[in-house]
Amino acid sequence: MSEKSLHLRLGIFMSLFALFLVLYAIPSFVFAPSNVGKIVLSPLFWPYVLAGLAGIVGLALIANALTSAQDTPFEDEETEHPEGAAPWMRLGALAVIMVLVMFGLPRLGMVWTAMLAFAACAFLFRTRHPILALVCAVVVPLLLYAFFAHVAGVAIPQGNLVRLP
């Protein structure tokens, strides 16, 4: 399969999926009260944003496939799949991380557990930027907590051991 045909197929799929979400799935399955004061807090807002972004990505992939002149094969020596037990070991380790997240949520809370899970996954998948991964593992959950707890007024689950202000 060439990169051009892959982009075309993925673009068509993403565009059709975005249309499905906007026209059927979101109106049918996402319920929102009519008296929401801020549009950002409406349960309909973010699904429509994600569906719109999926549609934009799909259209961009289609445009890329139609405008690219070269038709190079997608597979090369850098994208070969590793043989042996290493992929299965990583999959097992990811399952262990998921189980530990479920045990950590009531004890540590959502923010601290998300930090630890993010960092563990970053090192499990051998990121090229470990320092940036650690910074993001700390900053992103804290920023999300600050927004939802202090701006949106949504209660974020706190743990039994550690509590955030």
N, C-alpha and C. Protein backbone atom coordinates (compact mmCIF):
# COMPACT_ATOMS: atom_id res chain seq x y z
N MET A 1 0.85 -1.17 0.00
CA MET A 1 0.00 0.00 0.00
C MET A 1 0.89 1.23 0.00
N SER A 2 0.55 2.19 -0.80
CA SER A 2 1.35 3.41 -0.88
C SER A 2 0.84 4.42 0.14
N GLU A 3 1.68 5.40 0.41
CA GLU A 3 1.33 6.44 1.37
C GLU A 3 0.15 7.27 0.84
N LYS A 4 0.12 7.49 -0.45
CA LYS A 4 -0.96 8.25 -1.07
C LYS A 4 -2.31 7.55 -0.88
N SER A 5 -2.37 6.25 -1.17
CA SER A 5 -3.64 5.54 -1.01
C SER A 5 -4.03 5.40 0.45
N LEU A 6 -3.04 5.27 1.34
CA LEU A 6 -3.33 5.20 2.76
C LEU A 6 -3.96 6.50 3.25
N HIS A 7 -3.38 7.64 2.83
CA HIS A 7 -3.94 8.93 3.22
C HIS A 7 -5.34 9.11 2.66
N LEU A 8 -5.55 8.69 1.43
CA LEU A 8 -6.87 8.82 0.82
C LEU A 8 -7.90 7.97 1.57
N ARG A 9 -7.56 6.74 1.88
CA ARG A 9 -8.50 5.87 2.59
C ARG A 9 -8.78 6.39 4.00
N LEU A 10 -7.74 6.79 4.71
CA LEU A 10 -7.94 7.31 6.06
C LEU A 10 -8.74 8.60 6.03
N GLY A 11 -8.48 9.46 5.04
CA GLY A 11 -9.21 10.72 4.92
C GLY A 11 -10.68 10.51 4.65
N ILE A 12 -10.99 9.58 3.76
CA ILE A 12 -12.40 9.28 3.48
C ILE A 12 -13.08 8.70 4.71
N PHE A 13 -12.40 7.77 5.39
CA PHE A 13 -12.97 7.19 6.60
C PHE A 13 -13.21 8.25 7.67
N MET A 14 -12.22 9.12 7.91
CA MET A 14 -12.36 10.15 8.95
C MET A 14 -13.48 11.12 8.60
N SER A 15 -13.59 11.50 7.34
CA SER A 15 -14.64 12.43 6.93
C SER A 15 -16.02 11.81 7.10
N LEU A 16 -16.17 10.56 6.69
CA LEU A 16 -17.46 9.88 6.86
C LEU A 16 -17.79 9.67 8.33
N PHE A 17 -16.77 9.35 9.13
CA PHE A 17 -16.99 9.16 10.56
C PHE A 17 -17.41 10.47 11.22
N ALA A 18 -16.79 11.59 10.82
CA ALA A 18 -17.17 12.89 11.37
C ALA A 18 -18.61 13.23 10.99
N LEU A 19 -18.99 12.94 9.75
CA LEU A 19 -20.38 13.17 9.34
C LEU A 19 -21.34 12.30 10.14
N PHE A 20 -20.99 11.05 10.37
CA PHE A 20 -21.82 10.16 11.18
C PHE A 20 -21.99 10.73 12.59
N LEU A 21 -20.90 11.21 13.17
CA LEU A 21 -20.98 11.77 14.52
C LEU A 21 -21.88 13.00 14.56
N VAL A 22 -21.67 13.92 13.60
CA VAL A 22 -22.42 15.18 13.61
C VAL A 22 -23.89 14.97 13.28
N LEU A 23 -24.18 14.11 12.32
CA LEU A 23 -25.55 13.97 11.87
C LEU A 23 -26.38 12.96 12.67
N TYR A 24 -25.75 11.95 13.25
CA TYR A 24 -26.54 10.92 13.93
C TYR A 24 -26.13 10.68 15.38
N ALA A 25 -24.86 10.36 15.62
CA ALA A 25 -24.45 9.88 16.94
C ALA A 25 -24.59 10.94 18.03
N ILE A 26 -24.07 12.13 17.80
CA ILE A 26 -24.12 13.15 18.85
C ILE A 26 -25.55 13.60 19.13
N PRO A 27 -26.36 13.93 18.11
CA PRO A 27 -27.75 14.31 18.43
C PRO A 27 -28.56 13.19 19.07
N SER A 28 -28.26 11.94 18.76
CA SER A 28 -29.05 10.83 19.28
C SER A 28 -28.63 10.38 20.68
N PHE A 29 -27.34 10.45 20.99
CA PHE A 29 -26.85 9.83 22.22
C PHE A 29 -26.27 10.78 23.25
N VAL A 30 -26.07 12.05 22.92
CA VAL A 30 -25.54 13.01 23.89
C VAL A 30 -26.69 13.92 24.32
N PHE A 31 -27.01 13.87 25.57
CA PHE A 31 -28.13 14.64 26.09
C PHE A 31 -27.59 15.85 26.85
N ALA A 32 -28.23 16.99 26.63
CA ALA A 32 -27.78 18.22 27.28
C ALA A 32 -29.00 19.00 27.76
N PRO A 33 -28.92 19.57 28.96
CA PRO A 33 -30.01 20.43 29.42
C PRO A 33 -30.04 21.72 28.61
N SER A 34 -31.20 22.31 28.51
CA SER A 34 -31.32 23.53 27.70
C SER A 34 -30.90 24.78 28.44
N ASN A 35 -30.70 24.71 29.73
CA ASN A 35 -30.38 25.89 30.51
C ASN A 35 -28.90 26.00 30.89
N VAL A 36 -28.00 25.50 30.07
CA VAL A 36 -26.57 25.60 30.36
C VAL A 36 -26.13 27.03 30.09
N GLY A 37 -25.52 27.65 31.09
CA GLY A 37 -25.14 29.06 30.97
C GLY A 37 -23.97 29.31 30.04
N LYS A 38 -22.97 28.49 30.11
CA LYS A 38 -21.78 28.66 29.28
C LYS A 38 -21.75 27.56 28.24
N ILE A 39 -21.51 27.93 26.99
CA ILE A 39 -21.51 26.95 25.90
C ILE A 39 -20.42 25.90 26.09
N VAL A 40 -19.31 26.31 26.70
CA VAL A 40 -18.19 25.38 26.89
C VAL A 40 -18.55 24.27 27.87
N LEU A 41 -19.48 24.53 28.77
CA LEU A 41 -19.87 23.54 29.75
C LEU A 41 -21.00 22.63 29.27
N SER A 42 -21.52 22.89 28.09
CA SER A 42 -22.58 22.05 27.55
C SER A 42 -22.01 20.69 27.16
N PRO A 43 -22.73 19.61 27.46
CA PRO A 43 -22.26 18.28 27.05
C PRO A 43 -22.21 18.10 25.54
N LEU A 44 -22.85 18.97 24.78
CA LEU A 44 -22.82 18.86 23.32
C LEU A 44 -21.60 19.54 22.70
N PHE A 45 -21.00 20.49 23.41
CA PHE A 45 -19.96 21.32 22.81
C PHE A 45 -18.73 20.52 22.40
N TRP A 46 -18.14 19.79 23.32
CA TRP A 46 -16.87 19.11 23.03
C TRP A 46 -17.02 17.94 22.05
N PRO A 47 -18.11 17.17 22.08
CA PRO A 47 -18.25 16.17 21.03
C PRO A 47 -18.33 16.79 19.63
N TYR A 48 -19.01 17.94 19.51
CA TYR A 48 -19.05 18.60 18.21
C TYR A 48 -17.69 19.16 17.81
N VAL A 49 -16.93 19.66 18.78
CA VAL A 49 -15.58 20.13 18.48
C VAL A 49 -14.70 18.99 17.98
N LEU A 50 -14.76 17.85 18.67
CA LEU A 50 -13.95 16.70 18.25
C LEU A 50 -14.39 16.16 16.89
N ALA A 51 -15.70 16.14 16.64
CA ALA A 51 -16.18 15.69 15.33
C ALA A 51 -15.73 16.66 14.24
N GLY A 52 -15.77 17.94 14.51
CA GLY A 52 -15.29 18.93 13.54
C GLY A 52 -13.81 18.78 13.26
N LEU A 53 -13.02 18.57 14.31
CA LEU A 53 -11.58 18.36 14.11
C LEU A 53 -11.31 17.08 13.33
N ALA A 54 -12.09 16.03 13.58
CA ALA A 54 -11.94 14.79 12.81
C ALA A 54 -12.25 15.03 11.35
N GLY A 55 -13.28 15.83 11.08
CA GLY A 55 -13.62 16.16 9.70
C GLY A 55 -12.53 16.97 9.02
N ILE A 56 -11.95 17.92 9.73
CA ILE A 56 -10.87 18.74 9.18
C ILE A 56 -9.65 17.87 8.88
N VAL A 57 -9.31 16.97 9.80
CA VAL A 57 -8.17 16.07 9.57
C VAL A 57 -8.44 15.16 8.37
N GLY A 58 -9.67 14.65 8.27
CA GLY A 58 -10.03 13.81 7.13
C GLY A 58 -9.91 14.56 5.82
N LEU A 59 -10.42 15.78 5.76
CA LEU A 59 -10.31 16.58 4.54
C LEU A 59 -8.86 16.93 4.21
N ALA A 60 -8.06 17.18 5.25
CA ALA A 60 -6.64 17.47 5.01
C ALA A 60 -5.92 16.24 4.46
N LEU A 61 -6.25 15.06 4.96
CA LEU A 61 -5.64 13.84 4.43
C LEU A 61 -6.06 13.59 2.98
N ILE A 62 -7.32 13.85 2.67
CA ILE A 62 -7.77 13.70 1.28
C ILE A 62 -7.05 14.69 0.39
N ALA A 63 -6.94 15.95 0.81
CA ALA A 63 -6.23 16.96 0.02
C ALA A 63 -4.77 16.59 -0.16
N ASN A 64 -4.14 16.07 0.88
CA ASN A 64 -2.75 15.66 0.78
C ASN A 64 -2.59 14.52 -0.22
N ALA A 65 -3.53 13.58 -0.18
CA ALA A 65 -3.44 12.44 -1.10
C ALA A 65 -3.66 12.88 -2.54
N LEU A 66 -4.56 13.81 -2.76
CA LEU A 66 -4.86 14.24 -4.13
C LEU A 66 -3.80 15.16 -4.71
N THR A 67 -3.11 15.92 -3.86
CA THR A 67 -2.12 16.86 -4.37
C THR A 67 -0.69 16.31 -4.40
N SER A 68 -0.43 15.22 -3.71
CA SER A 68 0.93 14.68 -3.72
C SER A 68 1.19 13.97 -5.04
N ALA A 69 2.36 14.24 -5.61
CA ALA A 69 2.69 13.69 -6.92
C ALA A 69 3.31 12.30 -6.82
N GLN A 70 4.11 12.07 -5.80
CA GLN A 70 4.81 10.80 -5.72
C GLN A 70 3.96 9.75 -5.03
N ASP A 71 4.15 8.53 -5.44
CA ASP A 71 3.39 7.40 -4.90
C ASP A 71 4.38 6.40 -4.33
N THR A 72 4.93 6.74 -3.15
CA THR A 72 5.98 5.91 -2.54
C THR A 72 5.35 4.83 -1.68
N PRO A 73 6.01 3.69 -1.58
CA PRO A 73 5.49 2.65 -0.69
C PRO A 73 5.58 3.10 0.76
N PHE A 74 4.62 2.70 1.55
CA PHE A 74 4.55 3.13 2.95
C PHE A 74 5.52 2.37 3.84
N GLU A 75 5.68 1.09 3.62
CA GLU A 75 6.54 0.28 4.47
C GLU A 75 8.01 0.49 4.10
N ASP A 76 8.84 0.67 5.09
CA ASP A 76 10.29 0.72 4.89
C ASP A 76 10.97 0.13 6.11
N GLU A 77 12.28 0.22 6.16
CA GLU A 77 12.98 -0.46 7.25
C GLU A 77 12.71 0.17 8.60
N GLU A 78 12.29 1.44 8.65
CA GLU A 78 12.01 2.06 9.94
C GLU A 78 10.68 1.64 10.51
N THR A 79 9.76 1.20 9.67
CA THR A 79 8.42 0.86 10.15
C THR A 79 8.21 -0.65 10.29
N GLU A 80 9.25 -1.42 10.24
CA GLU A 80 9.11 -2.86 10.42
C GLU A 80 8.65 -3.16 11.84
N HIS A 81 7.83 -4.15 11.98
CA HIS A 81 7.34 -4.53 13.29
C HIS A 81 8.35 -5.43 13.98
N PRO A 82 8.60 -5.16 15.26
CA PRO A 82 9.56 -6.01 15.97
C PRO A 82 9.02 -7.42 16.15
N GLU A 83 9.91 -8.35 16.06
CA GLU A 83 9.55 -9.76 16.22
C GLU A 83 9.82 -10.18 17.65
N GLY A 84 9.24 -11.27 18.04
CA GLY A 84 9.52 -11.83 19.35
C GLY A 84 8.51 -11.42 20.38
N ALA A 85 8.94 -11.46 21.64
CA ALA A 85 8.05 -11.25 22.76
C ALA A 85 7.95 -9.81 23.21
N ALA A 86 8.78 -8.91 22.68
CA ALA A 86 8.80 -7.52 23.16
C ALA A 86 7.45 -6.81 23.01
N PRO A 87 6.76 -6.92 21.87
CA PRO A 87 5.45 -6.24 21.79
C PRO A 87 4.43 -6.80 22.78
N TRP A 88 4.47 -8.09 23.01
CA TRP A 88 3.53 -8.69 23.95
C TRP A 88 3.87 -8.30 25.38
N MET A 89 5.15 -8.13 25.66
CA MET A 89 5.55 -7.69 27.00
C MET A 89 5.06 -6.26 27.25
N ARG A 90 5.18 -5.39 26.24
CA ARG A 90 4.69 -4.02 26.38
C ARG A 90 3.17 -4.00 26.55
N LEU A 91 2.49 -4.84 25.82
CA LEU A 91 1.03 -4.91 25.97
C LEU A 91 0.65 -5.38 27.37
N GLY A 92 1.36 -6.37 27.88
CA GLY A 92 1.12 -6.83 29.24
C GLY A 92 1.42 -5.75 30.28
N ALA A 93 2.51 -5.02 30.06
CA ALA A 93 2.85 -3.93 30.98
C ALA A 93 1.80 -2.84 30.94
N LEU A 94 1.25 -2.56 29.76
CA LEU A 94 0.19 -1.57 29.65
C LEU A 94 -1.06 -2.04 30.40
N ALA A 95 -1.38 -3.32 30.33
CA ALA A 95 -2.51 -3.86 31.08
C ALA A 95 -2.28 -3.71 32.58
N VAL A 96 -1.03 -3.94 33.02
CA VAL A 96 -0.71 -3.78 34.44
C VAL A 96 -0.89 -2.32 34.85
N ILE A 97 -0.45 -1.39 34.00
CA ILE A 97 -0.62 0.03 34.30
C ILE A 97 -2.11 0.37 34.43
N MET A 98 -2.94 -0.18 33.54
CA MET A 98 -4.37 0.08 33.62
C MET A 98 -4.98 -0.44 34.92
N VAL A 99 -4.58 -1.61 35.34
CA VAL A 99 -5.08 -2.16 36.59
C VAL A 99 -4.62 -1.32 37.77
N LEU A 100 -3.36 -0.89 37.74
CA LEU A 100 -2.84 -0.03 38.80
C LEU A 100 -3.57 1.31 38.85
N VAL A 101 -3.96 1.83 37.69
CA VAL A 101 -4.74 3.07 37.66
C VAL A 101 -6.07 2.87 38.37
N MET A 102 -6.71 1.75 38.13
CA MET A 102 -8.00 1.49 38.78
C MET A 102 -7.85 1.36 40.30
N PHE A 103 -6.74 0.79 40.75
CA PHE A 103 -6.51 0.71 42.18
C PHE A 103 -6.05 2.04 42.76
N GLY A 104 -5.36 2.85 41.97
CA GLY A 104 -4.84 4.12 42.45
C GLY A 104 -5.86 5.24 42.51
N LEU A 105 -6.89 5.18 41.68
CA LEU A 105 -7.87 6.27 41.64
C LEU A 105 -8.52 6.56 43.00
N PRO A 106 -9.05 5.58 43.71
CA PRO A 106 -9.68 5.92 44.99
C PRO A 106 -8.67 6.32 46.07
N ARG A 107 -7.46 5.86 45.98
CA ARG A 107 -6.47 6.13 47.02
C ARG A 107 -5.73 7.44 46.79
N LEU A 108 -5.29 7.68 45.53
CA LEU A 108 -4.51 8.87 45.24
C LEU A 108 -5.33 10.00 44.61
N GLY A 109 -6.44 9.66 44.00
CA GLY A 109 -7.23 10.67 43.30
C GLY A 109 -6.89 10.69 41.82
N MET A 110 -7.73 11.37 41.07
CA MET A 110 -7.58 11.35 39.62
C MET A 110 -6.33 12.09 39.14
N VAL A 111 -5.99 13.19 39.76
CA VAL A 111 -4.87 14.00 39.29
C VAL A 111 -3.55 13.27 39.49
N TRP A 112 -3.30 12.80 40.68
CA TRP A 112 -2.02 12.14 40.97
C TRP A 112 -1.90 10.82 40.21
N THR A 113 -3.00 10.09 40.10
CA THR A 113 -2.97 8.83 39.35
C THR A 113 -2.71 9.09 37.87
N ALA A 114 -3.31 10.14 37.32
CA ALA A 114 -3.06 10.49 35.92
C ALA A 114 -1.60 10.85 35.69
N MET A 115 -1.00 11.57 36.64
CA MET A 115 0.42 11.91 36.53
C MET A 115 1.29 10.65 36.45
N LEU A 116 1.04 9.74 37.38
CA LEU A 116 1.84 8.52 37.42
C LEU A 116 1.61 7.65 36.18
N ALA A 117 0.37 7.54 35.74
CA ALA A 117 0.06 6.72 34.56
C ALA A 117 0.68 7.33 33.29
N PHE A 118 0.62 8.65 33.16
CA PHE A 118 1.21 9.32 32.01
C PHE A 118 2.71 9.05 31.96
N ALA A 119 3.37 9.24 33.09
CA ALA A 119 4.82 9.02 33.15
C ALA A 119 5.16 7.56 32.88
N ALA A 120 4.41 6.64 33.46
CA ALA A 120 4.68 5.21 33.25
C ALA A 120 4.51 4.83 31.78
N CYS A 121 3.46 5.34 31.14
CA CYS A 121 3.25 5.03 29.72
C CYS A 121 4.33 5.66 28.84
N ALA A 122 4.75 6.87 29.18
CA ALA A 122 5.80 7.52 28.39
C ALA A 122 7.09 6.71 28.43
N PHE A 123 7.44 6.19 29.59
CA PHE A 123 8.66 5.41 29.67
C PHE A 123 8.48 3.98 29.16
N LEU A 124 7.27 3.46 29.22
CA LEU A 124 6.99 2.15 28.66
C LEU A 124 7.16 2.17 27.14
N PHE A 125 6.71 3.25 26.51
CA PHE A 125 6.80 3.36 25.06
C PHE A 125 8.10 4.01 24.61
N ARG A 126 9.03 4.21 25.53
CA ARG A 126 10.38 4.71 25.24
C ARG A 126 10.36 6.02 24.44
N THR A 127 9.83 7.04 25.06
CA THR A 127 9.75 8.33 24.41
C THR A 127 11.14 8.88 24.12
N ARG A 128 11.22 9.67 23.06
CA ARG A 128 12.50 10.30 22.72
C ARG A 128 12.77 11.52 23.58
N HIS A 129 11.74 12.01 24.26
CA HIS A 129 11.84 13.22 25.07
C HIS A 129 11.39 12.94 26.49
N PRO A 130 12.21 12.27 27.30
CA PRO A 130 11.76 11.87 28.64
C PRO A 130 11.54 13.05 29.58
N ILE A 131 12.33 14.10 29.47
CA ILE A 131 12.16 15.24 30.37
C ILE A 131 10.86 15.96 30.04
N LEU A 132 10.58 16.15 28.75
CA LEU A 132 9.33 16.77 28.34
C LEU A 132 8.13 15.92 28.75
N ALA A 133 8.28 14.61 28.67
CA ALA A 133 7.20 13.71 29.08
C ALA A 133 6.91 13.87 30.58
N LEU A 134 7.95 13.97 31.38
CA LEU A 134 7.75 14.15 32.82
C LEU A 134 7.11 15.50 33.13
N VAL A 135 7.55 16.53 32.43
CA VAL A 135 6.95 17.86 32.64
C VAL A 135 5.47 17.83 32.26
N CYS A 136 5.15 17.22 31.12
CA CYS A 136 3.74 17.11 30.70
C CYS A 136 2.94 16.23 31.65
N ALA A 137 3.57 15.19 32.18
CA ALA A 137 2.87 14.30 33.11
C ALA A 137 2.45 15.05 34.37
N VAL A 138 3.20 16.07 34.75
CA VAL A 138 2.86 16.85 35.94
C VAL A 138 1.95 18.03 35.58
N VAL A 139 2.29 18.76 34.53
CA VAL A 139 1.61 20.01 34.22
C VAL A 139 0.20 19.79 33.67
N VAL A 140 0.03 18.86 32.74
CA VAL A 140 -1.28 18.68 32.09
C VAL A 140 -2.37 18.28 33.10
N PRO A 141 -2.16 17.28 33.96
CA PRO A 141 -3.22 16.98 34.94
C PRO A 141 -3.49 18.13 35.91
N LEU A 142 -2.46 18.87 36.28
CA LEU A 142 -2.68 20.00 37.19
C LEU A 142 -3.46 21.12 36.51
N LEU A 143 -3.16 21.40 35.26
CA LEU A 143 -3.91 22.43 34.54
C LEU A 143 -5.36 22.00 34.33
N LEU A 144 -5.57 20.74 33.98
CA LEU A 144 -6.94 20.25 33.83
C LEU A 144 -7.69 20.32 35.15
N TYR A 145 -7.03 19.97 36.24
CA TYR A 145 -7.67 20.06 37.55
C TYR A 145 -8.02 21.51 37.86
N ALA A 146 -7.08 22.43 37.62
CA ALA A 146 -7.33 23.84 37.90
C ALA A 146 -8.51 24.36 37.09
N PHE A 147 -8.58 23.99 35.81
CA PHE A 147 -9.69 24.45 34.99
C PHE A 147 -11.02 23.88 35.49
N PHE A 148 -11.09 22.57 35.62
CA PHE A 148 -12.38 21.96 35.95
C PHE A 148 -12.81 22.26 37.39
N ALA A 149 -11.88 22.27 38.33
CA ALA A 149 -12.26 22.49 39.72
C ALA A 149 -12.52 23.96 40.03
N HIS A 150 -11.73 24.86 39.45
CA HIS A 150 -11.82 26.25 39.86
C HIS A 150 -12.54 27.14 38.83
N VAL A 151 -12.49 26.80 37.56
CA VAL A 151 -13.16 27.62 36.55
C VAL A 151 -14.54 27.06 36.23
N ALA A 152 -14.60 25.77 35.91
CA ALA A 152 -15.88 25.17 35.52
C ALA A 152 -16.72 24.75 36.72
N GLY A 153 -16.11 24.63 37.88
CA GLY A 153 -16.85 24.24 39.07
C GLY A 153 -17.25 22.79 39.10
N VAL A 154 -16.48 21.93 38.44
CA VAL A 154 -16.77 20.50 38.41
C VAL A 154 -15.88 19.81 39.44
N ALA A 155 -16.46 18.97 40.25
CA ALA A 155 -15.69 18.28 41.28
C ALA A 155 -14.85 17.17 40.64
N ILE A 156 -13.57 17.21 40.91
CA ILE A 156 -12.64 16.19 40.43
C ILE A 156 -12.40 15.22 41.60
N PRO A 157 -12.49 13.91 41.35
CA PRO A 157 -12.31 12.95 42.45
C PRO A 157 -10.94 13.09 43.12
N GLN A 158 -10.97 13.26 44.44
CA GLN A 158 -9.77 13.36 45.23
C GLN A 158 -9.54 12.03 45.94
N GLY A 159 -8.30 11.75 46.24
CA GLY A 159 -7.97 10.49 46.89
C GLY A 159 -8.12 10.54 48.39
N ASN A 160 -7.97 9.39 49.00
CA ASN A 160 -8.02 9.30 50.46
C ASN A 160 -6.72 9.79 51.09
N LEU A 161 -5.61 9.65 50.37
CA LEU A 161 -4.30 9.98 50.93
C LEU A 161 -3.87 11.42 50.65
N VAL A 162 -4.14 11.92 49.45
CA VAL A 162 -3.65 13.23 49.03
C VAL A 162 -4.83 14.05 48.52
N ARG A 163 -4.92 15.30 48.95
CA ARG A 163 -6.00 16.20 48.49
C ARG A 163 -5.39 17.48 47.91
N LEU A 164 -5.99 17.96 46.83
CA LEU A 164 -5.56 19.21 46.22
C LEU A 164 -6.51 20.32 46.66
N PRO A 165 -6.03 21.56 46.67
CA PRO A 165 -6.90 22.68 47.10
C PRO A 165 -8.00 22.97 46.09
